[in-house]
Amino acid sequence: MDTLDLFIYSHIGTWDDEVSAQDVVRILAEHSQAARVRVLINSGGGDVYEGLAIHDALVRHGAAIEVLVEG
């Protein structure tokens, strides 16, 4: 089984040092054949709308999704 580990180790948003929905969409597109996506989160928070867009992108991908909140 092909597993993609997706690390969100920053604030969620659109500034240069944050993880954006666009970043996640790009990574998911690069790994479109992954049967499983493991999302590891260590984030102080961020923009709720970017977070919702990340959620939607994960759902659209179609893989089994596992989320581990580390901090």
C-alpha atoms as a PDB file:
ATOM      1  CA  MET A   1       0.000   0.000   0.000  1.00  0.00           C
ATOM      2  CA  ASP A   2       1.384   3.369  -1.029  1.00  0.00           C
ATOM      3  CA  THR A   3       1.222   5.796   1.923  1.00  0.00           C
ATOM      4  CA  LEU A   4       1.840   9.525   1.730  1.00  0.00           C
ATOM      5  CA  ASP A   5       2.991  11.194   4.967  1.00  0.00           C
ATOM      6  CA  LEU A   6       1.833  14.813   4.878  1.00  0.00           C
ATOM      7  CA  PHE A   7       3.446  16.974   7.567  1.00  0.00           C
ATOM      8  CA  ILE A   8       1.741  20.184   8.661  1.00  0.00           C
ATOM      9  CA  TYR A   9       4.360  21.589  11.013  1.00  0.00           C
ATOM     10  CA  SER A  10       3.543  25.280  10.811  1.00  0.00           C
ATOM     11  CA  HIS A  11       0.613  27.654  11.080  1.00  0.00           C
ATOM     12  CA  ILE A  12      -2.102  27.144   8.485  1.00  0.00           C
ATOM     13  CA  GLY A  13      -2.542  30.089   6.149  1.00  0.00           C
ATOM     14  CA  THR A  14      -1.242  31.825   3.067  1.00  0.00           C
ATOM     15  CA  TRP A  15       1.841  33.664   4.329  1.00  0.00           C
ATOM     16  CA  ASP A  16       5.250  32.436   3.135  1.00  0.00           C
ATOM     17  CA  ASP A  17       6.045  30.514   6.324  1.00  0.00           C
ATOM     18  CA  GLU A  18       2.604  28.881   6.643  1.00  0.00           C
ATOM     19  CA  VAL A  19       1.053  25.756   5.128  1.00  0.00           C
ATOM     20  CA  SER A  20      -1.705  26.668   2.680  1.00  0.00           C
ATOM     21  CA  ALA A  21      -4.473  24.680   1.057  1.00  0.00           C
ATOM     22  CA  GLN A  22      -2.717  25.307  -2.251  1.00  0.00           C
ATOM     23  CA  ASP A  23       0.418  23.598  -0.856  1.00  0.00           C
ATOM     24  CA  VAL A  24      -1.629  20.580   0.200  1.00  0.00           C
ATOM     25  CA  VAL A  25      -3.478  20.373  -3.130  1.00  0.00           C
ATOM     26  CA  ARG A  26      -0.137  20.419  -4.983  1.00  0.00           C
ATOM     27  CA  ILE A  27       1.307  17.637  -2.804  1.00  0.00           C
ATOM     28  CA  LEU A  28      -1.833  15.509  -3.136  1.00  0.00           C
ATOM     29  CA  ALA A  29      -1.762  15.944  -6.920  1.00  0.00           C
ATOM     30  CA  GLU A  30       1.864  14.794  -6.976  1.00  0.00           C
ATOM     31  CA  HIS A  31       0.785  11.656  -5.055  1.00  0.00           C
ATOM     32  CA  SER A  32      -2.550  10.983  -6.726  1.00  0.00           C
ATOM     33  CA  GLN A  33      -2.003   7.209  -6.586  1.00  0.00           C
ATOM     34  CA  ALA A  34      -1.491   7.064  -2.802  1.00  0.00           C
ATOM     35  CA  ALA A  35      -3.965   4.643  -1.259  1.00  0.00           C
ATOM     36  CA  ARG A  36      -3.472   6.148   2.202  1.00  0.00           C
ATOM     37  CA  VAL A  37      -2.622   9.645   3.423  1.00  0.00           C
ATOM     38  CA  ARG A  38      -1.289  10.085   6.943  1.00  0.00           C
ATOM     39  CA  VAL A  39      -1.513  13.746   8.033  1.00  0.00           C
ATOM     40  CA  LEU A  40       0.776  14.651  10.921  1.00  0.00           C
ATOM     41  CA  ILE A  41      -0.094  18.000  12.509  1.00  0.00           C
ATOM     42  CA  ASN A  42       1.956  20.111  14.890  1.00  0.00           C
ATOM     43  CA  SER A  43       0.494  23.574  14.405  1.00  0.00           C
ATOM     44  CA  GLY A  44      -0.388  26.542  16.546  1.00  0.00           C
ATOM     45  CA  GLY A  45      -3.527  27.089  14.469  1.00  0.00           C
ATOM     46  CA  GLY A  46      -4.203  29.485  11.665  1.00  0.00           C
ATOM     47  CA  ASP A  47      -6.838  30.484   9.167  1.00  0.00           C
ATOM     48  CA  VAL A  48     -10.040  28.459   9.526  1.00  0.00           C
ATOM     49  CA  TYR A  49     -10.928  28.804   5.835  1.00  0.00           C
ATOM     50  CA  GLU A  50      -7.557  27.421   4.754  1.00  0.00           C
ATOM     51  CA  GLY A  51      -8.091  24.557   7.192  1.00  0.00           C
ATOM     52  CA  LEU A  52     -11.491  23.801   5.695  1.00  0.00           C
ATOM     53  CA  ALA A  53     -10.018  23.890   2.196  1.00  0.00           C
ATOM     54  CA  ILE A  54      -7.309  21.418   3.306  1.00  0.00           C
ATOM     55  CA  HIS A  55     -10.022  19.143   4.698  1.00  0.00           C
ATOM     56  CA  ASP A  56     -11.951  19.306   1.423  1.00  0.00           C
ATOM     57  CA  ALA A  57      -8.810  18.527  -0.605  1.00  0.00           C
ATOM     58  CA  LEU A  58      -8.118  15.466   1.531  1.00  0.00           C
ATOM     59  CA  VAL A  59     -11.675  14.204   1.103  1.00  0.00           C
ATOM     60  CA  ARG A  60     -11.545  14.758  -2.675  1.00  0.00           C
ATOM     61  CA  HIS A  61      -8.291  12.800  -2.953  1.00  0.00           C
ATOM     62  CA  GLY A  62     -10.146   9.564  -2.234  1.00  0.00           C
ATOM     63  CA  ALA A  63      -7.432   7.858  -0.197  1.00  0.00           C
ATOM     64  CA  ALA A  64      -7.935   6.516   3.310  1.00  0.00           C
ATOM     65  CA  ILE A  65      -7.061   9.426   5.617  1.00  0.00           C
ATOM     66  CA  GLU A  66      -5.408   9.121   9.020  1.00  0.00           C
ATOM     67  CA  VAL A  67      -4.721  12.249  11.088  1.00  0.00           C
ATOM     68  CA  LEU A  68      -2.262  12.372  13.973  1.00  0.00           C
ATOM     69  CA  VAL A  69      -2.291  15.550  16.052  1.00  0.00           C
ATOM     70  CA  GLU A  70       1.155  15.849  17.615  1.00  0.00           C
ATOM     71  CA  GLY A  71       0.893  19.288  19.151  1.00  0.00           C
END
